[in-house]
Amino acid sequence: MQKPTHHILVCASFRTSGESKGMCFKKDSASLLPYIENELSDRGMEDVMVSSTGCMNRCENGPLMVVYPAGSWYAEVNEEKIDSILDALAEGNEATEYLLT
């Protein structure tokens, strides 16, 4: 894979011990990873990397998703919101209605 055009980070609530516990994990953020990867593949967006992260410390807004290089933070993501976020990303935009403020 060449250098990705975008990097999507999804909070998986990992703690320093490696244990997953926290709101994003409890809200099943781990299931969003394969969904995002499948959607990216279906859209032909193979130049986007997806990774899970440790706790992002915004539990009240979880599950969280951050898209770089723009540094866009999205709150309470689910499959419906991810579809809109990826649509906007493909068009070179942000899904502003879901941005964490």
Protein backbone atom coordinates (compact mmCIF):
# COMPACT_ATOMS: atom_id res chain seq x y z
CA MET A 1 0.00 0.00 0.00
CA GLN A 2 1.21 3.46 -0.86
CA LYS A 3 0.97 6.25 1.66
CA PRO A 4 -2.75 6.57 2.43
CA THR A 5 -4.63 9.71 1.43
CA HIS A 6 -6.63 9.51 4.67
CA HIS A 7 -6.31 7.68 7.97
CA ILE A 8 -9.46 6.84 9.93
CA LEU A 9 -9.02 6.18 13.63
CA VAL A 10 -11.78 4.50 15.63
CA CYS A 11 -11.67 4.55 19.42
CA ALA A 12 -11.58 1.02 20.80
CA SER A 13 -11.12 2.13 24.42
CA PHE A 14 -7.84 0.23 24.89
CA ARG A 15 -6.14 0.98 28.19
CA THR A 16 -2.39 0.88 28.76
CA SER A 17 -2.76 -2.70 29.98
CA GLY A 18 -4.17 -3.60 26.55
CA GLU A 19 -7.61 -4.23 28.02
CA SER A 20 -10.63 -2.84 26.17
CA LYS A 21 -13.09 -1.17 28.51
CA GLY A 22 -14.84 2.13 28.23
CA MET A 23 -17.80 3.70 26.52
CA CYS A 24 -16.66 3.29 22.92
CA PHE A 25 -15.96 -0.39 23.54
CA LYS A 26 -19.24 -0.83 25.39
CA LYS A 27 -21.04 0.82 22.47
CA ASP A 28 -19.47 -1.82 20.17
CA SER A 29 -17.00 0.41 18.35
CA ALA A 30 -15.00 -2.69 17.36
CA SER A 31 -17.81 -3.77 15.03
CA LEU A 32 -17.45 -0.49 13.14
CA LEU A 33 -13.96 -1.35 11.88
CA PRO A 34 -14.97 -4.11 9.46
CA TYR A 35 -18.00 -2.06 8.42
CA ILE A 36 -15.76 0.89 7.51
CA GLU A 37 -13.29 -1.35 5.69
CA ASN A 38 -16.08 -2.99 3.67
CA GLU A 39 -17.63 0.37 2.81
CA LEU A 40 -14.25 1.74 1.70
CA SER A 41 -13.70 -1.30 -0.49
CA ASP A 42 -17.21 -1.05 -1.99
CA ARG A 43 -16.56 2.61 -2.80
CA GLY A 44 -13.15 1.91 -4.36
CA MET A 45 -11.39 3.93 -1.65
CA GLU A 46 -8.45 1.54 -1.15
CA ASP A 47 -6.12 4.45 -0.40
CA VAL A 48 -7.71 5.02 3.04
CA MET A 49 -6.24 3.32 6.13
CA VAL A 50 -8.39 2.30 9.13
CA SER A 51 -7.01 1.72 12.64
CA SER A 52 -8.36 1.21 16.13
CA THR A 53 -6.95 3.27 18.98
CA GLY A 54 -6.66 3.44 22.70
CA CYS A 55 -9.05 5.58 24.68
CA MET A 56 -9.44 9.09 23.23
CA ASN A 57 -10.79 10.43 26.55
CA ARG A 58 -14.10 11.72 25.17
CA CYS A 59 -16.22 8.84 26.44
CA GLU A 60 -19.39 10.92 26.62
CA ASN A 61 -19.19 11.34 22.83
CA GLY A 62 -18.38 7.77 21.86
CA PRO A 63 -17.98 5.92 19.72
CA LEU A 64 -15.46 8.36 18.28
CA MET A 65 -13.91 8.43 14.83
CA VAL A 66 -11.14 10.77 13.69
CA VAL A 67 -10.21 11.32 10.05
CA TYR A 68 -6.74 12.60 9.13
CA PRO A 69 -5.14 14.59 7.60
CA ALA A 70 -7.98 17.04 8.27
CA GLY A 71 -8.18 16.03 11.94
CA SER A 72 -11.99 15.81 11.85
CA TRP A 73 -13.47 14.32 15.04
CA TYR A 74 -16.86 12.63 14.70
CA ALA A 75 -19.05 11.82 17.71
CA GLU A 76 -21.47 8.97 18.39
CA VAL A 77 -20.72 7.28 15.08
CA ASN A 78 -22.82 4.41 13.80
CA GLU A 79 -23.21 2.77 10.39
CA GLU A 80 -25.61 5.44 9.09
CA LYS A 81 -23.29 8.28 10.12
CA ILE A 82 -20.27 6.44 8.72
CA ASP A 83 -22.00 6.23 5.32
CA SER A 84 -22.48 10.02 5.32
CA ILE A 85 -18.94 10.64 6.56
CA LEU A 86 -17.45 8.42 3.82
CA ASP A 87 -19.67 10.06 1.17
CA ALA A 88 -18.36 13.46 2.24
CA LEU A 89 -14.77 12.18 2.38
CA ALA A 90 -15.04 10.85 -1.17
CA GLU A 91 -16.16 14.32 -2.27
CA GLY A 92 -13.30 16.01 -0.40
CA ASN A 93 -15.57 17.38 2.33
CA GLU A 94 -16.45 16.84 5.99
CA ALA A 95 -19.81 15.58 7.24
CA THR A 96 -20.17 18.74 9.33
CA GLU A 97 -23.42 17.66 10.98
CA TYR A 98 -21.58 14.89 12.85
CA LEU A 99 -18.43 16.78 13.87
CA LEU A 100 -17.55 16.87 17.53
CA THR A 101 -17.78 20.46 18.70
